[in-house]
Amino acid sequence: MHSEQNNHAEESDLAQAVNQRSRDISEVPAVELINTVAVHLMSAAAVKTGLADDPKADELKDLDEARKLITALAGLITAAAPEVGSTHAAPLRDGLRSLQLAFREESSVPDAPGKGPGEKWTGPVN
């Protein structure tokens, strides 16, 4: 019986936490959320491309994962650019292009023009 009460209390606490987060997220403007997600994707892609500011950067490198992250970032930026405006989109595009170029440098097997990560959305990067 005591365990059942604990479970109900934990479920109630979880529901309250979810409700609080929903209220918190509802107060954040879409532009800020899009930028935040883009920065997280950029940071993860940079680490996976081997650009981490870490002595073990090579150990953290995973180009397959980087490709996925860069492609997702390119799709997000391309789709969101008209909604967030050039003030927000321009630095995101610059960061994306830098990642795409870094990926090309790190890759031992070069992609054909237009076939690199995210280039489906951005066009060829060189």
C-alpha atoms as a PDB file:
ATOM      1  CA  MET A   1       0.000   0.000   0.000  1.00  0.00           C
ATOM      2  CA  HIS A   2       2.810   2.377   0.906  1.00  0.00           C
ATOM      3  CA  SER A   3       4.528   1.674  -2.430  1.00  0.00           C
ATOM      4  CA  GLU A   4       1.295   2.450  -4.291  1.00  0.00           C
ATOM      5  CA  GLN A   5       1.040   5.818  -2.529  1.00  0.00           C
ATOM      6  CA  ASN A   6       4.642   6.597  -3.479  1.00  0.00           C
ATOM      7  CA  ASN A   7       3.885   5.754  -7.124  1.00  0.00           C
ATOM      8  CA  HIS A   8       0.870   8.076  -7.145  1.00  0.00           C
ATOM      9  CA  ALA A   9       2.908  10.860  -5.532  1.00  0.00           C
ATOM     10  CA  GLU A  10       5.707  10.412  -8.112  1.00  0.00           C
ATOM     11  CA  GLU A  11       3.184  10.447 -10.984  1.00  0.00           C
ATOM     12  CA  SER A  12       1.605  13.594  -9.566  1.00  0.00           C
ATOM     13  CA  ASP A  13       5.024  15.271  -9.245  1.00  0.00           C
ATOM     14  CA  LEU A  14       5.877  14.288 -12.830  1.00  0.00           C
ATOM     15  CA  ALA A  15       2.570  15.651 -14.129  1.00  0.00           C
ATOM     16  CA  GLN A  16       3.195  18.939 -12.327  1.00  0.00           C
ATOM     17  CA  ALA A  17       6.701  19.164 -13.773  1.00  0.00           C
ATOM     18  CA  VAL A  18       5.385  18.511 -17.302  1.00  0.00           C
ATOM     19  CA  ASN A  19       2.684  21.139 -16.861  1.00  0.00           C
ATOM     20  CA  GLN A  20       5.241  23.667 -15.593  1.00  0.00           C
ATOM     21  CA  ARG A  21       7.544  23.010 -18.538  1.00  0.00           C
ATOM     22  CA  SER A  22       4.634  23.384 -20.952  1.00  0.00           C
ATOM     23  CA  ARG A  23       3.795  26.745 -19.414  1.00  0.00           C
ATOM     24  CA  ASP A  24       7.458  27.784 -19.483  1.00  0.00           C
ATOM     25  CA  ILE A  25       7.933  26.800 -23.145  1.00  0.00           C
ATOM     26  CA  SER A  26       4.737  28.569 -24.135  1.00  0.00           C
ATOM     27  CA  GLU A  27       6.320  31.859 -23.076  1.00  0.00           C
ATOM     28  CA  VAL A  28       9.354  31.460 -25.347  1.00  0.00           C
ATOM     29  CA  PRO A  29       9.078  33.061 -28.796  1.00  0.00           C
ATOM     30  CA  ALA A  30       9.374  30.706 -31.783  1.00  0.00           C
ATOM     31  CA  VAL A  31      12.456  32.534 -33.095  1.00  0.00           C
ATOM     32  CA  GLU A  32      14.258  31.881 -29.817  1.00  0.00           C
ATOM     33  CA  LEU A  33      13.325  28.192 -29.839  1.00  0.00           C
ATOM     34  CA  ILE A  34      14.451  27.779 -33.447  1.00  0.00           C
ATOM     35  CA  ASN A  35      17.769  29.502 -32.705  1.00  0.00           C
ATOM     36  CA  THR A  36      18.293  27.396 -29.597  1.00  0.00           C
ATOM     37  CA  VAL A  37      17.654  24.140 -31.450  1.00  0.00           C
ATOM     38  CA  ALA A  38      19.922  25.256 -34.302  1.00  0.00           C
ATOM     39  CA  VAL A  39      22.747  26.122 -31.905  1.00  0.00           C
ATOM     40  CA  HIS A  40      22.440  22.731 -30.205  1.00  0.00           C
ATOM     41  CA  LEU A  41      22.569  20.973 -33.593  1.00  0.00           C
ATOM     42  CA  MET A  42      25.558  23.099 -34.604  1.00  0.00           C
ATOM     43  CA  SER A  43      27.417  22.345 -31.401  1.00  0.00           C
ATOM     44  CA  ALA A  44      26.790  18.613 -31.672  1.00  0.00           C
ATOM     45  CA  ALA A  45      27.770  18.606 -35.357  1.00  0.00           C
ATOM     46  CA  ALA A  46      30.978  20.501 -34.573  1.00  0.00           C
ATOM     47  CA  VAL A  47      31.949  17.925 -31.948  1.00  0.00           C
ATOM     48  CA  LYS A  48      31.123  15.023 -34.272  1.00  0.00           C
ATOM     49  CA  THR A  49      33.098  16.675 -37.087  1.00  0.00           C
ATOM     50  CA  GLY A  50      36.149  16.772 -34.836  1.00  0.00           C
ATOM     51  CA  LEU A  51      36.069  20.484 -34.055  1.00  0.00           C
ATOM     52  CA  ALA A  52      35.661  20.145 -30.301  1.00  0.00           C
ATOM     53  CA  ASP A  53      37.925  22.332 -28.198  1.00  0.00           C
ATOM     54  CA  ASP A  54      39.128  19.270 -26.377  1.00  0.00           C
ATOM     55  CA  PRO A  55      42.386  17.300 -26.346  1.00  0.00           C
ATOM     56  CA  LYS A  56      40.319  14.213 -27.218  1.00  0.00           C
ATOM     57  CA  ALA A  57      38.541  15.840 -30.195  1.00  0.00           C
ATOM     58  CA  ASP A  58      39.664  13.033 -32.527  1.00  0.00           C
ATOM     59  CA  GLU A  59      38.109  10.430 -30.238  1.00  0.00           C
ATOM     60  CA  LEU A  60      34.799  12.322 -30.304  1.00  0.00           C
ATOM     61  CA  LYS A  61      34.759  12.550 -34.107  1.00  0.00           C
ATOM     62  CA  ASP A  62      32.028  10.537 -35.851  1.00  0.00           C
ATOM     63  CA  LEU A  63      31.417  11.724 -39.404  1.00  0.00           C
ATOM     64  CA  ASP A  64      28.360   9.523 -39.898  1.00  0.00           C
ATOM     65  CA  GLU A  65      26.699  11.237 -36.938  1.00  0.00           C
ATOM     66  CA  ALA A  66      27.986  14.636 -38.098  1.00  0.00           C
ATOM     67  CA  ARG A  67      26.398  14.098 -41.525  1.00  0.00           C
ATOM     68  CA  LYS A  68      23.000  13.460 -39.922  1.00  0.00           C
ATOM     69  CA  LEU A  69      23.251  16.486 -37.662  1.00  0.00           C
ATOM     70  CA  ILE A  70      24.383  18.816 -40.446  1.00  0.00           C
ATOM     71  CA  THR A  71      21.598  17.610 -42.736  1.00  0.00           C
ATOM     72  CA  ALA A  72      18.996  18.166 -40.002  1.00  0.00           C
ATOM     73  CA  LEU A  73      20.444  21.610 -39.313  1.00  0.00           C
ATOM     74  CA  ALA A  74      20.318  22.516 -43.008  1.00  0.00           C
ATOM     75  CA  GLY A  75      16.675  21.454 -43.221  1.00  0.00           C
ATOM     76  CA  LEU A  76      15.767  23.456 -40.127  1.00  0.00           C
ATOM     77  CA  ILE A  77      17.577  26.599 -41.256  1.00  0.00           C
ATOM     78  CA  THR A  78      16.201  26.408 -44.798  1.00  0.00           C
ATOM     79  CA  ALA A  79      12.642  25.894 -43.598  1.00  0.00           C
ATOM     80  CA  ALA A  80      12.836  28.455 -40.802  1.00  0.00           C
ATOM     81  CA  ALA A  81      14.697  31.252 -42.611  1.00  0.00           C
ATOM     82  CA  PRO A  82      11.578  32.949 -44.018  1.00  0.00           C
ATOM     83  CA  GLU A  83       9.958  32.788 -40.578  1.00  0.00           C
ATOM     84  CA  VAL A  84      12.868  34.072 -38.489  1.00  0.00           C
ATOM     85  CA  GLY A  85      14.091  36.757 -40.884  1.00  0.00           C
ATOM     86  CA  SER A  86      17.533  37.493 -42.239  1.00  0.00           C
ATOM     87  CA  THR A  87      18.827  38.920 -38.958  1.00  0.00           C
ATOM     88  CA  HIS A  88      18.550  35.500 -37.341  1.00  0.00           C
ATOM     89  CA  ALA A  89      18.988  33.322 -40.421  1.00  0.00           C
ATOM     90  CA  ALA A  90      22.256  34.828 -41.703  1.00  0.00           C
ATOM     91  CA  PRO A  91      24.460  33.759 -38.761  1.00  0.00           C
ATOM     92  CA  LEU A  92      22.832  30.322 -38.761  1.00  0.00           C
ATOM     93  CA  ARG A  93      23.574  29.949 -42.478  1.00  0.00           C
ATOM     94  CA  ASP A  94      27.185  31.040 -41.889  1.00  0.00           C
ATOM     95  CA  GLY A  95      27.607  28.475 -39.129  1.00  0.00           C
ATOM     96  CA  LEU A  96      26.050  25.765 -41.281  1.00  0.00           C
ATOM     97  CA  ARG A  97      28.334  26.573 -44.212  1.00  0.00           C
ATOM     98  CA  SER A  98      31.387  26.439 -41.918  1.00  0.00           C
ATOM     99  CA  LEU A  99      30.313  23.010 -40.685  1.00  0.00           C
ATOM    100  CA  GLN A 100      29.731  21.768 -44.219  1.00  0.00           C
ATOM    101  CA  LEU A 101      33.212  22.926 -45.260  1.00  0.00           C
ATOM    102  CA  ALA A 102      34.807  21.416 -42.152  1.00  0.00           C
ATOM    103  CA  PHE A 103      33.042  18.137 -42.873  1.00  0.00           C
ATOM    104  CA  ARG A 104      34.482  18.133 -46.413  1.00  0.00           C
ATOM    105  CA  GLU A 105      37.982  18.698 -44.997  1.00  0.00           C
ATOM    106  CA  GLU A 106      37.636  15.912 -42.432  1.00  0.00           C
ATOM    107  CA  SER A 107      36.107  13.353 -44.794  1.00  0.00           C
ATOM    108  CA  SER A 108      38.557  10.921 -46.353  1.00  0.00           C
ATOM    109  CA  VAL A 109      36.068  10.117 -49.136  1.00  0.00           C
ATOM    110  CA  PRO A 110      34.856  13.350 -50.719  1.00  0.00           C
ATOM    111  CA  ASP A 111      31.184  13.692 -51.574  1.00  0.00           C
ATOM    112  CA  ALA A 112      30.200  14.677 -55.089  1.00  0.00           C
ATOM    113  CA  PRO A 113      29.191  18.338 -55.421  1.00  0.00           C
ATOM    114  CA  GLY A 114      25.680  18.759 -54.044  1.00  0.00           C
ATOM    115  CA  LYS A 115      25.801  15.408 -52.222  1.00  0.00           C
ATOM    116  CA  GLY A 116      27.493  16.526 -49.011  1.00  0.00           C
ATOM    117  CA  PRO A 117      25.637  16.822 -45.724  1.00  0.00           C
ATOM    118  CA  GLY A 118      22.770  19.277 -45.985  1.00  0.00           C
ATOM    119  CA  GLU A 119      23.516  20.163 -49.595  1.00  0.00           C
ATOM    120  CA  LYS A 120      20.125  18.801 -50.596  1.00  0.00           C
ATOM    121  CA  TRP A 121      18.764  21.893 -48.809  1.00  0.00           C
ATOM    122  CA  THR A 122      21.539  24.433 -49.358  1.00  0.00           C
ATOM    123  CA  GLY A 123      22.946  23.512 -52.737  1.00  0.00           C
ATOM    124  CA  PRO A 124      26.614  22.665 -53.315  1.00  0.00           C
ATOM    125  CA  VAL A 125      29.084  24.148 -50.858  1.00  0.00           C
ATOM    126  CA  ASN A 126      32.729  24.698 -51.798  1.00  0.00           C
END
